[in-house]
Amino acid sequence: MRSLLTVSAAAVLLLLTGTAPAVADDGGGADRTFTIEDSRITESSGLAASRKHPGVYWTHNDSDDGPYVYAVDSRTGKTVATITMKGVGEPRDVEAISLGPDGNLYVGDIGDNLDGTWDHVWIYRFPEPEKLADATVRATQFDVTYADGARNAEAMMVHPETGRVYIASKNEDGGGLYEGPEKLTAGGNNVFRRVGEVPWVTDGAFSPDGGNLVLRSYFSARGYAFENGRLGADHAVSVPFQGQSESVTYTADGSAMMFGSEGKRGEVVRVEVPGGGDGGKDPSPNGGGGGTSSGDDGEDGVGTKGTATGGAVAVVVIVLALIAARRRRG
């Protein structure tokens, strides 16, 4: 977890951008901003938009919950299915979920709160259910290690065209983007190799066409062009203010991104993507155009331009600092 000063500084920089995400008012339809109403979901750490069930988002708790995945309807905030995974070990620190082009949900048990003390982590995979109902499913478990040693991670993304799995490690001084093997193998070790450098990351998501990757942190997000398995030009992406910013996914049509947070009745905020339903080709709500970011970005890629009332900045910084101080883990 970052020091209180570092977290507060990031909050100040975000306020000074002078911009706000373009949040949609869709009259209460699917893929709207919503609140997770299920009292069991107190640490929503990942999001994945369903392809079979429009407006439904898959999520899960962080640790200390069990092998459960929840389907939440964005129209009501209600849980419409609870999936229990069998055939896997006891989950340790589930941090991410992603839907692959094979129709499978991938669940990333990839967190390591002790910063790289576990010699391996796990990914679980099972088919996205055809019907929304409580069910127990058999999942496949994959052992994962990193070529350059164990590390902490909270972001796992499955490429929507190639099906290849990527993990972004979480480190205060900057993490790495890791590429898995072409196909995961059950019963053996799956080695992920570092292929890029990334900032502090709590979650990530590919656009539906696979051409862009968005990585978010507590107070910011960056969008990257993505081609041939490698990061390209990057730019800042506007994000909503959230108490504990933990997750992001694109809507199924690529017209918006959904940003989630942990906590009871966690809010998932819809932020429009310029260009509408074009597959999410430009992930920046500011219309960044995918160009390389200029030197006016602050920590975590947060722009420092713009002005804000000093009193408002102080109040928000205090609130965010208290939130940071109360965090029990990074």
Protein backbone atom coordinates (compact mmCIF):
# COMPACT_ATOMS: atom_id res chain seq x y z
CA MET A 1 0.00 0.00 0.00
CA ARG A 2 1.26 3.46 -0.79
CA SER A 3 2.28 5.88 1.91
CA LEU A 4 -0.38 8.36 3.00
CA LEU A 5 1.57 11.21 1.40
CA THR A 6 1.85 9.43 -1.95
CA VAL A 7 -1.84 8.55 -2.08
CA SER A 8 -2.86 12.09 -1.15
CA ALA A 9 -0.53 13.56 -3.76
CA ALA A 10 -2.13 11.41 -6.44
CA ALA A 11 -5.55 12.64 -5.37
CA VAL A 12 -4.43 16.27 -5.66
CA LEU A 13 -3.10 15.68 -9.16
CA LEU A 14 -6.35 14.06 -10.24
CA LEU A 15 -8.37 17.01 -8.98
CA LEU A 16 -6.12 19.44 -10.81
CA THR A 17 -6.91 17.95 -14.20
CA GLY A 18 -10.03 20.11 -14.31
CA THR A 19 -11.85 17.35 -16.22
CA ALA A 20 -14.54 14.86 -15.34
CA PRO A 21 -15.46 11.54 -16.90
CA ALA A 22 -18.38 11.58 -19.32
CA VAL A 23 -20.86 9.58 -17.27
CA ALA A 24 -23.94 8.44 -19.18
CA ASP A 25 -27.54 9.04 -18.17
CA ASP A 26 -29.29 6.18 -19.96
CA GLY A 27 -32.61 6.30 -18.15
CA GLY A 28 -31.97 3.18 -16.11
CA GLY A 29 -31.34 0.67 -18.90
CA ALA A 30 -28.69 -2.00 -19.17
CA ASP A 31 -25.00 -1.15 -18.75
CA ARG A 32 -25.88 1.85 -16.62
CA THR A 33 -24.11 3.13 -13.53
CA PHE A 34 -25.29 0.88 -10.72
CA THR A 35 -24.76 -0.10 -7.10
CA ILE A 36 -24.06 -3.71 -6.11
CA GLU A 37 -26.88 -4.53 -3.71
CA ASP A 38 -25.77 -8.00 -2.57
CA SER A 39 -24.62 -7.82 1.06
CA ARG A 40 -22.26 -10.74 0.43
CA ILE A 41 -20.24 -8.72 -2.08
CA THR A 42 -18.15 -6.38 0.05
CA GLU A 43 -14.82 -6.58 -1.78
CA SER A 44 -15.65 -6.58 -5.49
CA SER A 45 -12.20 -6.77 -7.05
CA GLY A 46 -12.88 -7.56 -10.69
CA LEU A 47 -15.50 -7.03 -13.40
CA ALA A 48 -16.29 -8.74 -16.69
CA ALA A 49 -19.17 -7.88 -19.00
CA SER A 50 -21.25 -10.90 -19.99
CA ARG A 51 -21.61 -11.70 -23.68
CA LYS A 52 -24.47 -14.15 -23.25
CA HIS A 53 -26.54 -11.97 -20.92
CA PRO A 54 -26.72 -8.27 -21.91
CA GLY A 55 -26.30 -5.86 -19.03
CA VAL A 56 -24.96 -8.51 -16.64
CA TYR A 57 -21.52 -8.20 -15.02
CA TRP A 58 -19.50 -10.96 -13.40
CA THR A 59 -17.66 -10.11 -10.20
CA HIS A 60 -16.12 -11.73 -7.12
CA ASN A 61 -14.86 -10.85 -3.68
CA ASP A 62 -11.20 -10.41 -2.85
CA SER A 63 -10.05 -12.92 -0.22
CA ASP A 64 -11.78 -14.82 2.60
CA ASP A 65 -14.90 -15.57 0.57
CA GLY A 66 -14.52 -18.93 -1.13
CA PRO A 67 -14.80 -20.23 -4.71
CA TYR A 68 -17.69 -17.95 -5.68
CA VAL A 69 -18.42 -15.78 -8.71
CA TYR A 70 -21.49 -13.54 -8.90
CA ALA A 71 -23.57 -12.31 -11.83
CA VAL A 72 -24.98 -8.83 -11.15
CA ASP A 73 -27.65 -7.17 -13.32
CA SER A 74 -26.70 -3.56 -14.03
CA ARG A 75 -30.38 -2.62 -14.37
CA THR A 76 -31.13 -3.43 -10.74
CA GLY A 77 -27.82 -4.02 -8.98
CA LYS A 78 -29.18 -7.39 -7.88
CA THR A 79 -27.30 -10.67 -8.01
CA VAL A 80 -29.00 -12.95 -10.53
CA ALA A 81 -26.69 -15.97 -10.20
CA THR A 82 -24.07 -17.28 -7.79
CA ILE A 83 -21.60 -19.72 -9.28
CA THR A 84 -19.64 -22.06 -7.00
CA MET A 85 -16.45 -23.43 -8.53
CA LYS A 86 -15.51 -27.00 -7.69
CA GLY A 87 -12.40 -28.92 -8.64
CA VAL A 88 -10.12 -26.10 -7.46
CA GLY A 89 -8.17 -25.53 -4.27
CA GLU A 90 -9.04 -22.97 -1.61
CA PRO A 91 -8.76 -19.51 -3.23
CA ARG A 92 -6.20 -17.25 -1.56
CA ASP A 93 -6.48 -13.76 -3.06
CA VAL A 94 -8.83 -13.52 -6.07
CA GLU A 95 -8.22 -10.21 -7.81
CA ALA A 96 -9.46 -10.35 -11.40
CA ILE A 97 -11.95 -11.85 -13.84
CA SER A 98 -12.02 -11.79 -17.63
CA LEU A 99 -14.07 -13.36 -20.41
CA GLY A 100 -12.17 -15.08 -23.20
CA PRO A 101 -13.09 -15.52 -26.87
CA ASP A 102 -13.63 -19.22 -26.12
CA GLY A 103 -16.69 -18.32 -24.04
CA ASN A 104 -14.92 -19.16 -20.78
CA LEU A 105 -14.65 -17.00 -17.69
CA TYR A 106 -11.11 -16.76 -16.33
CA VAL A 107 -10.74 -16.00 -12.61
CA GLY A 108 -7.37 -14.71 -11.43
CA ASP A 109 -6.30 -15.88 -7.97
CA ILE A 110 -3.16 -13.81 -8.50
CA GLY A 111 -2.89 -11.48 -5.51
CA ASP A 112 0.00 -11.76 -3.08
CA ASN A 113 -0.37 -9.35 -0.18
CA LEU A 114 3.10 -10.33 1.04
CA ASP A 115 4.62 -8.94 -2.18
CA GLY A 116 5.91 -12.03 -3.88
CA THR A 117 6.27 -14.74 -1.24
CA TRP A 118 4.09 -17.36 -2.94
CA ASP A 119 6.01 -19.45 -5.45
CA HIS A 120 2.94 -19.79 -7.66
CA VAL A 121 -0.56 -18.40 -8.14
CA TRP A 122 -3.64 -19.77 -9.90
CA ILE A 123 -6.07 -19.08 -12.70
CA TYR A 124 -9.45 -20.82 -12.75
CA ARG A 125 -11.52 -21.29 -15.91
CA PHE A 126 -15.10 -22.37 -16.56
CA PRO A 127 -17.67 -21.79 -19.33
CA GLU A 128 -19.93 -18.77 -18.97
CA PRO A 129 -23.31 -20.26 -18.01
CA GLU A 130 -26.06 -20.33 -20.62
CA LYS A 131 -28.69 -19.64 -17.96
CA LEU A 132 -28.54 -17.28 -15.02
CA ALA A 133 -29.21 -19.40 -11.95
CA ASP A 134 -27.30 -20.50 -8.88
CA ALA A 135 -25.11 -23.41 -9.89
CA THR A 136 -22.01 -25.41 -9.05
CA VAL A 137 -19.60 -25.83 -11.96
CA ARG A 138 -16.38 -27.75 -12.42
CA ALA A 139 -13.53 -25.34 -13.10
CA THR A 140 -10.08 -26.03 -14.51
CA GLN A 141 -7.20 -24.83 -12.36
CA PHE A 142 -3.93 -23.59 -13.87
CA ASP A 143 -0.68 -23.10 -11.94
CA VAL A 144 1.10 -19.85 -12.81
CA THR A 145 4.65 -18.65 -12.15
CA TYR A 146 6.64 -15.68 -13.45
CA ALA A 147 9.89 -16.06 -15.36
CA ASP A 148 11.55 -13.36 -13.23
CA GLY A 149 10.28 -14.46 -9.82
CA ALA A 150 7.15 -14.24 -7.69
CA ARG A 151 5.26 -10.97 -7.41
CA ASN A 152 1.97 -9.36 -6.45
CA ALA A 153 -0.69 -8.69 -9.11
CA GLU A 154 -4.30 -7.57 -9.31
CA ALA A 155 -4.91 -7.29 -13.07
CA MET A 156 -5.50 -10.23 -15.42
CA MET A 157 -6.80 -9.76 -18.96
CA VAL A 158 -7.69 -12.31 -21.65
CA HIS A 159 -7.19 -10.98 -25.17
CA PRO A 160 -10.58 -11.07 -26.95
CA GLU A 161 -9.13 -12.35 -30.24
CA THR A 162 -6.08 -14.48 -29.45
CA GLY A 163 -7.32 -15.81 -26.10
CA ARG A 164 -3.89 -15.24 -24.61
CA VAL A 165 -3.80 -14.33 -20.92
CA TYR A 166 -1.90 -11.29 -19.64
CA ILE A 167 -1.17 -10.24 -16.06
CA ALA A 168 -0.06 -6.80 -14.88
CA SER A 169 1.94 -6.86 -11.66
CA LYS A 170 1.37 -4.29 -8.92
CA ASN A 171 4.34 -2.36 -7.62
CA GLU A 172 4.66 1.15 -6.22
CA ASP A 173 7.68 1.83 -8.41
CA GLY A 174 5.98 0.45 -11.51
CA GLY A 175 5.04 -3.06 -12.52
CA GLY A 176 5.31 -5.26 -15.55
CA LEU A 177 2.96 -6.65 -18.17
CA TYR A 178 3.34 -10.43 -18.32
CA GLU A 179 2.33 -12.64 -21.24
CA GLY A 180 1.21 -16.21 -20.65
CA PRO A 181 1.84 -19.15 -22.95
CA GLU A 182 -0.17 -19.40 -26.15
CA LYS A 183 -2.44 -21.87 -24.38
CA LEU A 184 -2.70 -22.57 -20.67
CA THR A 185 -1.93 -26.13 -19.58
CA ALA A 186 -3.63 -27.89 -16.68
CA GLY A 187 -1.44 -30.16 -14.57
CA GLY A 188 1.74 -28.25 -15.42
CA ASN A 189 3.41 -24.93 -14.81
CA ASN A 190 2.38 -21.95 -16.94
CA VAL A 191 5.25 -19.46 -17.10
CA PHE A 192 4.37 -15.79 -17.69
CA ARG A 193 7.11 -13.62 -19.19
CA ARG A 194 7.56 -9.86 -18.88
CA VAL A 195 6.82 -8.05 -22.14
CA GLY A 196 6.22 -4.46 -21.04
CA GLU A 197 6.42 -1.87 -18.29
CA VAL A 198 3.28 -0.48 -16.62
CA PRO A 199 2.46 1.88 -13.74
CA TRP A 200 0.79 0.97 -10.44
CA VAL A 201 -2.16 -1.21 -11.53
CA THR A 202 -5.26 -2.50 -9.71
CA ASP A 203 -7.11 -3.86 -12.78
CA GLY A 204 -7.17 -3.81 -16.55
CA ALA A 205 -9.34 -4.60 -19.56
CA PHE A 206 -9.00 -5.06 -23.30
CA SER A 207 -11.37 -3.27 -25.65
CA PRO A 208 -13.73 -5.73 -27.41
CA ASP A 209 -11.67 -5.56 -30.62
CA GLY A 210 -8.45 -6.18 -28.69
CA GLY A 211 -6.82 -3.03 -30.08
CA ASN A 212 -6.56 -1.20 -26.78
CA LEU A 213 -5.71 -2.06 -23.19
CA VAL A 214 -6.83 0.09 -20.25
CA LEU A 215 -5.01 -0.21 -16.94
CA ARG A 216 -6.36 1.55 -13.85
CA SER A 217 -4.92 2.46 -10.46
CA TYR A 218 -6.49 4.03 -7.39
CA PHE A 219 -6.77 7.52 -8.85
CA SER A 220 -6.04 7.25 -12.56
CA ALA A 221 -6.03 5.08 -15.66
CA ARG A 222 -4.01 4.80 -18.85
CA GLY A 223 -4.99 3.54 -22.26
CA TYR A 224 -2.48 1.73 -24.49
CA ALA A 225 -2.58 0.79 -28.14
CA PHE A 226 -2.12 -2.99 -28.25
CA GLU A 227 -0.81 -4.83 -31.29
CA ASN A 228 0.96 -8.16 -31.75
CA GLY A 229 0.96 -8.72 -28.02
CA ARG A 230 2.83 -5.54 -27.15
CA LEU A 231 2.02 -2.14 -25.66
CA GLY A 232 2.03 0.87 -27.97
CA ALA A 233 1.33 4.57 -27.57
CA ASP A 234 -0.40 5.52 -24.33
CA HIS A 235 -2.54 8.34 -22.96
CA ALA A 236 -4.39 9.27 -19.77
CA VAL A 237 -7.98 8.14 -19.29
CA SER A 238 -10.42 9.97 -17.02
CA VAL A 239 -11.76 7.97 -14.09
CA PRO A 240 -14.48 8.62 -11.51
CA PHE A 241 -13.72 9.31 -7.85
CA GLN A 242 -14.21 6.07 -5.92
CA GLY A 243 -13.38 5.09 -2.36
CA GLN A 244 -11.30 2.05 -3.27
CA SER A 245 -10.81 1.81 -7.01
CA GLU A 246 -10.36 -1.85 -7.86
CA SER A 247 -11.87 -2.86 -11.19
CA VAL A 248 -12.58 -1.92 -14.79
CA THR A 249 -14.16 -3.55 -17.83
CA TYR A 250 -15.57 -2.49 -21.16
CA THR A 251 -19.25 -2.87 -21.93
CA ALA A 252 -19.83 -5.73 -24.36
CA ASP A 253 -20.33 -3.31 -27.27
CA GLY A 254 -17.28 -1.21 -26.42
CA SER A 255 -19.28 1.99 -26.07
CA ALA A 256 -18.22 2.61 -22.47
CA MET A 257 -16.03 1.46 -19.63
CA MET A 258 -17.37 0.39 -16.24
CA PHE A 259 -15.27 1.35 -13.21
CA GLY A 260 -15.92 -0.49 -9.92
CA SER A 261 -14.88 -0.13 -6.31
CA GLU A 262 -14.72 -2.28 -3.21
CA GLY A 263 -16.91 -1.89 -0.12
CA LYS A 264 -20.50 -2.54 0.85
CA ARG A 265 -22.90 -1.39 -1.87
CA GLY A 266 -19.96 -0.73 -4.16
CA GLU A 267 -20.75 1.56 -7.08
CA VAL A 268 -19.93 0.67 -10.69
CA VAL A 269 -19.71 3.83 -12.79
CA ARG A 270 -20.22 3.93 -16.56
CA VAL A 271 -17.82 6.24 -18.44
CA GLU A 272 -18.41 6.85 -22.14
CA VAL A 273 -15.80 5.97 -24.76
CA PRO A 274 -15.57 8.48 -27.65
CA GLY A 275 -16.77 6.89 -30.86
CA GLY A 276 -19.58 4.90 -29.26
CA GLY A 277 -19.89 1.24 -30.17
CA ASP A 278 -16.86 1.01 -32.49
CA GLY A 279 -15.28 -1.71 -30.43
CA GLY A 280 -13.67 0.68 -27.98
CA LYS A 281 -10.91 1.79 -30.35
CA ASP A 282 -10.24 4.96 -28.38
CA PRO A 283 -10.43 4.18 -24.66
CA SER A 284 -9.89 7.76 -23.50
CA PRO A 285 -13.02 9.63 -22.38
CA ASN A 286 -10.98 12.76 -23.10
CA GLY A 287 -10.58 11.71 -26.73
CA GLY A 288 -6.87 11.15 -26.32
CA GLY A 289 -6.69 9.52 -29.74
CA GLY A 290 -4.18 6.90 -28.61
CA GLY A 291 -1.23 9.28 -28.94
CA THR A 292 1.76 9.09 -26.68
CA SER A 293 1.17 11.08 -23.53
CA SER A 294 2.92 14.41 -23.16
CA GLY A 295 5.16 15.42 -20.29
CA ASP A 296 2.35 17.18 -18.38
CA ASP A 297 1.15 13.98 -16.75
CA GLY A 298 1.67 13.51 -13.04
CA GLU A 299 2.05 10.40 -10.94
CA ASP A 300 0.19 7.34 -12.27
CA GLY A 301 -0.32 9.22 -15.51
CA VAL A 302 -2.65 11.80 -14.00
CA GLY A 303 -2.55 15.14 -15.78
CA THR A 304 -1.54 18.15 -13.70
CA LYS A 305 -3.15 20.87 -15.79
CA GLY A 306 -6.24 22.77 -14.72
CA THR A 307 -7.30 24.50 -11.52
CA ALA A 308 -9.46 23.66 -8.51
CA THR A 309 -10.64 25.50 -5.42
CA GLY A 310 -8.10 25.08 -2.65
CA GLY A 311 -10.70 24.27 -0.04
CA ALA A 312 -12.30 21.57 -2.19
CA VAL A 313 -8.92 20.02 -2.83
CA ALA A 314 -8.13 19.95 0.89
CA VAL A 315 -11.45 18.33 1.81
CA VAL A 316 -11.18 15.61 -0.82
CA VAL A 317 -7.54 14.92 0.02
CA ILE A 318 -8.42 14.49 3.70
CA VAL A 319 -11.25 12.10 2.86
CA LEU A 320 -9.07 10.07 0.51
CA ALA A 321 -6.25 10.02 3.02
CA LEU A 322 -8.59 8.62 5.67
CA ILE A 323 -9.76 5.97 3.21
CA ALA A 324 -6.16 5.06 2.43
CA ALA A 325 -5.27 4.89 6.10
CA ARG A 326 -8.14 2.47 6.74
CA ARG A 327 -7.12 0.09 3.95
CA ARG A 328 -6.16 -3.27 5.35
CA ARG A 329 -4.19 -4.27 2.27
CA GLY A 330 -2.93 -2.89 -1.05
